[in-house]
Amino acid sequence: MGERGKRGEEAIMFNIIYLVIASIILVLIFSFISGVASGRLVKSQILAKEIALFIDESEPGTSIMINHEKAEIKLDEEKGEVAVKIDKSEETFYFFTKYSIDFETNSTFTKITIS
C-alpha cells in the first residue's frame, strides 16, 4: 500500500502543478487579449510611429503640439528613440534626424520643435 500511495501523491502533485501552469498561461493570454481589445497596444504603437515619422520628415522651425491625457511620452535624442506608454503598454520607435529637437511635456500636452 505504501507504493500505491506514493504513486497517487505524485499524480496529484503533477495535476496540481499542471493546473497552476495552465492558469498562469490563461491569465497571460486574457490580459494580452484585453489589451488588444481595448486598443491600448495599437494606440501606443500608432502614436509612437507618428511622432517618429514627424521628427524624421520635419524641417527646422517645425513644431507640433500633442494633446494627451493617458499617454506618457518620452524622447531620447541621443539614442534617437521615442517611447509612448499608455496604461501598461509601452512602444518605442526610432527616428533619425540631423536637426536638434526641443521637447517639452507635462501631464496634458507635449510640444516637439525641430530646430
N, C-alpha and C. Protein backbone atom coordinates (compact mmCIF):
# COMPACT_ATOMS: atom_id res chain seq x y z
N MET A 1 0.82 -1.19 0.00
CA MET A 1 0.00 0.00 0.00
C MET A 1 0.86 1.25 0.00
N GLY A 2 2.06 1.18 0.52
CA GLY A 2 2.94 2.33 0.53
C GLY A 2 3.34 2.76 -0.87
N GLU A 3 3.56 1.80 -1.77
CA GLU A 3 3.95 2.11 -3.15
C GLU A 3 2.80 2.78 -3.90
N ARG A 4 1.59 2.28 -3.69
CA ARG A 4 0.42 2.85 -4.35
C ARG A 4 0.16 4.28 -3.86
N GLY A 5 0.36 4.53 -2.61
CA GLY A 5 0.14 5.86 -2.03
C GLY A 5 1.10 6.88 -2.60
N LYS A 6 2.36 6.45 -2.82
CA LYS A 6 3.34 7.37 -3.40
C LYS A 6 3.00 7.72 -4.83
N ARG A 7 2.55 6.71 -5.59
CA ARG A 7 2.16 6.98 -6.98
C ARG A 7 0.97 7.93 -7.04
N GLY A 8 0.04 7.74 -6.14
CA GLY A 8 -1.13 8.61 -6.10
C GLY A 8 -0.75 10.04 -5.73
N GLU A 9 0.17 10.19 -4.77
CA GLU A 9 0.62 11.52 -4.39
C GLU A 9 1.36 12.20 -5.54
N GLU A 10 2.18 11.44 -6.25
CA GLU A 10 2.89 12.00 -7.41
C GLU A 10 1.92 12.45 -8.48
N ALA A 11 0.88 11.66 -8.73
CA ALA A 11 -0.12 12.02 -9.74
C ALA A 11 -0.87 13.29 -9.34
N ILE A 12 -1.21 13.38 -8.07
CA ILE A 12 -1.92 14.57 -7.59
C ILE A 12 -1.03 15.81 -7.70
N MET A 13 0.24 15.69 -7.30
CA MET A 13 1.16 16.82 -7.41
C MET A 13 1.35 17.23 -8.86
N PHE A 14 1.47 16.26 -9.76
CA PHE A 14 1.61 16.57 -11.18
C PHE A 14 0.38 17.33 -11.68
N ASN A 15 -0.80 16.88 -11.30
CA ASN A 15 -2.03 17.56 -11.73
C ASN A 15 -2.13 18.97 -11.16
N ILE A 16 -1.72 19.16 -9.93
CA ILE A 16 -1.76 20.49 -9.32
C ILE A 16 -0.79 21.43 -10.03
N ILE A 17 0.41 20.97 -10.28
CA ILE A 17 1.40 21.80 -11.00
C ILE A 17 0.89 22.13 -12.40
N TYR A 18 0.32 21.13 -13.06
CA TYR A 18 -0.23 21.34 -14.41
C TYR A 18 -1.33 22.39 -14.38
N LEU A 19 -2.23 22.32 -13.40
CA LEU A 19 -3.32 23.30 -13.30
C LEU A 19 -2.80 24.71 -13.01
N VAL A 20 -1.78 24.82 -12.17
CA VAL A 20 -1.22 26.14 -11.86
C VAL A 20 -0.58 26.75 -13.10
N ILE A 21 0.20 25.97 -13.83
CA ILE A 21 0.84 26.48 -15.06
C ILE A 21 -0.20 26.85 -16.10
N ALA A 22 -1.22 26.01 -16.26
CA ALA A 22 -2.29 26.31 -17.22
C ALA A 22 -3.03 27.58 -16.83
N SER A 23 -3.26 27.79 -15.53
CA SER A 23 -3.94 29.01 -15.06
C SER A 23 -3.11 30.25 -15.34
N ILE A 24 -1.81 30.17 -15.12
CA ILE A 24 -0.93 31.31 -15.39
C ILE A 24 -0.95 31.65 -16.88
N ILE A 25 -0.89 30.64 -17.73
CA ILE A 25 -0.92 30.88 -19.18
C ILE A 25 -2.24 31.50 -19.59
N LEU A 26 -3.34 31.02 -19.04
CA LEU A 26 -4.65 31.59 -19.38
C LEU A 26 -4.76 33.04 -18.94
N VAL A 27 -4.24 33.38 -17.78
CA VAL A 27 -4.27 34.77 -17.31
C VAL A 27 -3.45 35.66 -18.23
N LEU A 28 -2.27 35.20 -18.66
CA LEU A 28 -1.44 35.99 -19.57
C LEU A 28 -2.13 36.18 -20.92
N ILE A 29 -2.74 35.15 -21.44
CA ILE A 29 -3.46 35.26 -22.71
C ILE A 29 -4.64 36.23 -22.57
N PHE A 30 -5.38 36.12 -21.48
CA PHE A 30 -6.51 37.01 -21.26
C PHE A 30 -6.08 38.46 -21.15
N SER A 31 -4.98 38.73 -20.44
CA SER A 31 -4.54 40.12 -20.30
C SER A 31 -4.06 40.68 -21.64
N PHE A 32 -3.41 39.85 -22.47
CA PHE A 32 -2.99 40.31 -23.79
C PHE A 32 -4.21 40.61 -24.66
N ILE A 33 -5.19 39.73 -24.66
CA ILE A 33 -6.40 39.93 -25.47
C ILE A 33 -7.16 41.16 -25.00
N SER A 34 -7.24 41.38 -23.70
CA SER A 34 -7.95 42.57 -23.22
C SER A 34 -7.21 43.85 -23.61
N GLY A 35 -5.87 43.80 -23.65
CA GLY A 35 -5.10 44.96 -24.09
C GLY A 35 -5.32 45.26 -25.56
N VAL A 36 -5.41 44.22 -26.37
CA VAL A 36 -5.67 44.40 -27.80
C VAL A 36 -7.09 44.89 -28.01
N ALA A 37 -8.04 44.31 -27.29
CA ALA A 37 -9.44 44.69 -27.46
C ALA A 37 -9.70 46.12 -27.03
N SER A 38 -9.01 46.59 -26.01
CA SER A 38 -9.23 47.96 -25.55
C SER A 38 -8.49 48.97 -26.43
N GLY A 39 -7.56 48.51 -27.25
CA GLY A 39 -6.85 49.40 -28.15
C GLY A 39 -5.61 50.02 -27.56
N ARG A 40 -5.24 49.67 -26.33
CA ARG A 40 -4.05 50.26 -25.71
C ARG A 40 -2.81 49.99 -26.53
N LEU A 41 -2.63 48.75 -26.96
CA LEU A 41 -1.42 48.40 -27.70
C LEU A 41 -1.36 49.15 -29.02
N VAL A 42 -2.47 49.18 -29.72
CA VAL A 42 -2.50 49.83 -31.03
C VAL A 42 -2.32 51.34 -30.90
N LYS A 43 -2.95 51.93 -29.91
CA LYS A 43 -2.85 53.38 -29.72
C LYS A 43 -1.41 53.81 -29.43
N SER A 44 -0.73 53.08 -28.57
CA SER A 44 0.65 53.45 -28.25
C SER A 44 1.56 53.23 -29.45
N GLN A 45 1.32 52.19 -30.24
CA GLN A 45 2.12 51.95 -31.45
C GLN A 45 1.92 53.06 -32.46
N ILE A 46 0.68 53.43 -32.69
CA ILE A 46 0.37 54.47 -33.69
C ILE A 46 0.97 55.80 -33.27
N LEU A 47 0.79 56.19 -32.02
CA LEU A 47 1.31 57.49 -31.57
C LEU A 47 2.83 57.53 -31.64
N ALA A 48 3.51 56.46 -31.23
CA ALA A 48 4.97 56.43 -31.29
C ALA A 48 5.45 56.49 -32.75
N LYS A 49 4.81 55.77 -33.64
CA LYS A 49 5.19 55.79 -35.06
C LYS A 49 4.98 57.18 -35.67
N GLU A 50 3.85 57.80 -35.35
CA GLU A 50 3.57 59.12 -35.92
C GLU A 50 4.56 60.17 -35.42
N ILE A 51 4.92 60.12 -34.16
CA ILE A 51 5.90 61.08 -33.63
C ILE A 51 7.26 60.86 -34.29
N ALA A 52 7.68 59.60 -34.42
CA ALA A 52 8.96 59.30 -35.07
C ALA A 52 8.96 59.76 -36.53
N LEU A 53 7.87 59.53 -37.24
CA LEU A 53 7.78 60.00 -38.63
C LEU A 53 7.80 61.51 -38.71
N PHE A 54 7.12 62.17 -37.78
CA PHE A 54 7.14 63.64 -37.76
C PHE A 54 8.56 64.15 -37.60
N ILE A 55 9.29 63.57 -36.67
CA ILE A 55 10.67 64.01 -36.43
C ILE A 55 11.54 63.73 -37.65
N ASP A 56 11.37 62.57 -38.27
CA ASP A 56 12.17 62.21 -39.45
C ASP A 56 11.94 63.15 -40.62
N GLU A 57 10.70 63.55 -40.85
CA GLU A 57 10.34 64.30 -42.05
C GLU A 57 10.33 65.82 -41.87
N SER A 58 10.54 66.32 -40.67
CA SER A 58 10.40 67.75 -40.41
C SER A 58 11.66 68.54 -40.74
N GLU A 59 11.42 69.76 -41.15
CA GLU A 59 12.49 70.73 -41.40
C GLU A 59 12.63 71.62 -40.16
N PRO A 60 13.77 72.31 -40.00
CA PRO A 60 13.92 73.22 -38.87
C PRO A 60 12.82 74.27 -38.83
N GLY A 61 12.35 74.58 -37.63
CA GLY A 61 11.28 75.56 -37.44
C GLY A 61 9.91 74.92 -37.33
N THR A 62 9.82 73.63 -37.55
CA THR A 62 8.54 72.94 -37.46
C THR A 62 8.29 72.52 -36.01
N SER A 63 7.04 72.67 -35.58
CA SER A 63 6.70 72.22 -34.23
C SER A 63 5.33 71.55 -34.26
N ILE A 64 5.11 70.72 -33.27
CA ILE A 64 3.84 70.01 -33.15
C ILE A 64 3.45 69.98 -31.67
N MET A 65 2.16 70.13 -31.43
CA MET A 65 1.61 70.01 -30.08
C MET A 65 0.74 68.75 -30.05
N ILE A 66 1.00 67.90 -29.10
CA ILE A 66 0.24 66.66 -28.95
C ILE A 66 -0.52 66.74 -27.64
N ASN A 67 -1.84 66.68 -27.75
CA ASN A 67 -2.70 66.72 -26.57
C ASN A 67 -2.97 65.29 -26.14
N HIS A 68 -2.59 64.97 -24.93
CA HIS A 68 -2.80 63.61 -24.43
C HIS A 68 -3.10 63.67 -22.94
N GLU A 69 -3.90 62.74 -22.50
CA GLU A 69 -4.22 62.67 -21.07
C GLU A 69 -3.70 61.38 -20.46
N LYS A 70 -3.86 60.27 -21.17
CA LYS A 70 -3.47 58.98 -20.62
C LYS A 70 -2.09 58.53 -21.07
N ALA A 71 -1.54 59.20 -22.05
CA ALA A 71 -0.25 58.77 -22.61
C ALA A 71 0.91 59.47 -21.92
N GLU A 72 2.00 58.74 -21.79
CA GLU A 72 3.25 59.29 -21.28
C GLU A 72 4.26 59.19 -22.42
N ILE A 73 4.80 60.33 -22.84
CA ILE A 73 5.71 60.37 -23.99
C ILE A 73 7.11 60.73 -23.50
N LYS A 74 8.07 59.93 -23.92
CA LYS A 74 9.48 60.17 -23.58
C LYS A 74 10.27 60.23 -24.88
N LEU A 75 11.21 61.16 -24.94
CA LEU A 75 12.03 61.32 -26.13
C LEU A 75 13.49 61.32 -25.71
N ASP A 76 14.28 60.46 -26.31
CA ASP A 76 15.71 60.39 -26.03
C ASP A 76 16.44 60.74 -27.32
N GLU A 77 16.95 61.97 -27.39
CA GLU A 77 17.59 62.46 -28.60
C GLU A 77 18.91 61.74 -28.87
N GLU A 78 19.64 61.38 -27.82
CA GLU A 78 20.93 60.70 -28.00
C GLU A 78 20.75 59.32 -28.62
N LYS A 79 19.78 58.56 -28.13
CA LYS A 79 19.52 57.23 -28.68
C LYS A 79 18.67 57.30 -29.94
N GLY A 80 18.00 58.42 -30.14
CA GLY A 80 17.12 58.57 -31.29
C GLY A 80 15.87 57.74 -31.16
N GLU A 81 15.26 57.77 -29.98
CA GLU A 81 14.06 56.97 -29.79
C GLU A 81 12.96 57.75 -29.10
N VAL A 82 11.74 57.42 -29.45
CA VAL A 82 10.57 57.99 -28.81
C VAL A 82 9.79 56.82 -28.21
N ALA A 83 9.38 56.97 -26.95
CA ALA A 83 8.63 55.93 -26.25
C ALA A 83 7.28 56.50 -25.83
N VAL A 84 6.23 55.75 -26.10
CA VAL A 84 4.88 56.15 -25.71
C VAL A 84 4.32 55.05 -24.82
N LYS A 85 3.84 55.45 -23.65
CA LYS A 85 3.27 54.50 -22.71
C LYS A 85 1.83 54.89 -22.44
N ILE A 86 0.91 53.98 -22.73
CA ILE A 86 -0.50 54.16 -22.42
C ILE A 86 -0.88 53.02 -21.49
N ASP A 87 -1.30 53.36 -20.30
CA ASP A 87 -1.56 52.39 -19.24
C ASP A 87 -0.32 51.55 -19.01
N LYS A 88 -0.36 50.25 -19.30
CA LYS A 88 0.79 49.39 -19.06
C LYS A 88 1.55 49.06 -20.33
N SER A 89 1.01 49.42 -21.49
CA SER A 89 1.69 49.06 -22.74
C SER A 89 2.58 50.21 -23.19
N GLU A 90 3.84 49.89 -23.50
CA GLU A 90 4.80 50.89 -23.93
C GLU A 90 5.40 50.45 -25.26
N GLU A 91 5.45 51.37 -26.20
CA GLU A 91 6.03 51.11 -27.51
C GLU A 91 7.15 52.11 -27.76
N THR A 92 8.23 51.66 -28.36
CA THR A 92 9.38 52.50 -28.67
C THR A 92 9.68 52.42 -30.15
N PHE A 93 9.90 53.57 -30.77
CA PHE A 93 10.31 53.63 -32.17
C PHE A 93 11.49 54.58 -32.29
N TYR A 94 12.27 54.34 -33.30
CA TYR A 94 13.49 55.11 -33.50
C TYR A 94 13.29 56.13 -34.61
N PHE A 95 14.01 57.24 -34.49
CA PHE A 95 13.98 58.29 -35.51
C PHE A 95 15.40 58.67 -35.85
N PHE A 96 15.56 59.26 -37.02
CA PHE A 96 16.87 59.70 -37.50
C PHE A 96 16.72 61.12 -38.00
N THR A 97 17.41 62.05 -37.37
CA THR A 97 17.35 63.43 -37.82
C THR A 97 18.70 64.08 -37.57
N LYS A 98 19.04 65.01 -38.44
CA LYS A 98 20.30 65.73 -38.25
C LYS A 98 20.08 67.05 -37.53
N TYR A 99 18.83 67.35 -37.20
CA TYR A 99 18.49 68.61 -36.55
C TYR A 99 18.32 68.41 -35.05
N SER A 100 18.34 69.52 -34.34
CA SER A 100 18.14 69.50 -32.90
C SER A 100 16.64 69.43 -32.58
N ILE A 101 16.32 68.78 -31.48
CA ILE A 101 14.92 68.62 -31.09
C ILE A 101 14.72 69.24 -29.72
N ASP A 102 13.73 70.14 -29.63
CA ASP A 102 13.32 70.70 -28.34
C ASP A 102 12.06 69.97 -27.92
N PHE A 103 12.05 69.47 -26.70
CA PHE A 103 10.98 68.61 -26.21
C PHE A 103 10.46 69.14 -24.89
N GLU A 104 9.19 69.52 -24.85
CA GLU A 104 8.56 69.99 -23.62
C GLU A 104 7.33 69.12 -23.37
N THR A 105 7.15 68.70 -22.13
CA THR A 105 5.98 67.87 -21.83
C THR A 105 5.47 68.14 -20.43
N ASN A 106 4.20 67.93 -20.25
CA ASN A 106 3.58 67.92 -18.92
C ASN A 106 2.47 66.87 -18.95
N SER A 107 1.56 66.90 -18.02
CA SER A 107 0.57 65.83 -17.91
C SER A 107 -0.47 65.83 -19.01
N THR A 108 -0.68 66.96 -19.69
CA THR A 108 -1.74 67.01 -20.70
C THR A 108 -1.27 67.29 -22.12
N PHE A 109 -0.06 67.79 -22.31
CA PHE A 109 0.39 68.05 -23.68
C PHE A 109 1.89 67.87 -23.80
N THR A 110 2.32 67.66 -25.04
CA THR A 110 3.72 67.57 -25.37
C THR A 110 3.97 68.44 -26.59
N LYS A 111 5.04 69.23 -26.53
CA LYS A 111 5.41 70.09 -27.67
C LYS A 111 6.79 69.66 -28.15
N ILE A 112 6.87 69.35 -29.44
CA ILE A 112 8.13 68.96 -30.06
C ILE A 112 8.45 69.99 -31.14
N THR A 113 9.64 70.58 -31.04
CA THR A 113 10.06 71.58 -32.02
C THR A 113 11.39 71.14 -32.63
N ILE A 114 11.45 71.20 -33.95
CA ILE A 114 12.68 70.85 -34.68
C ILE A 114 13.41 72.16 -34.95
N SER A 115 14.68 72.23 -34.56
CA SER A 115 15.45 73.46 -34.81
C SER A 115 16.83 73.14 -35.34
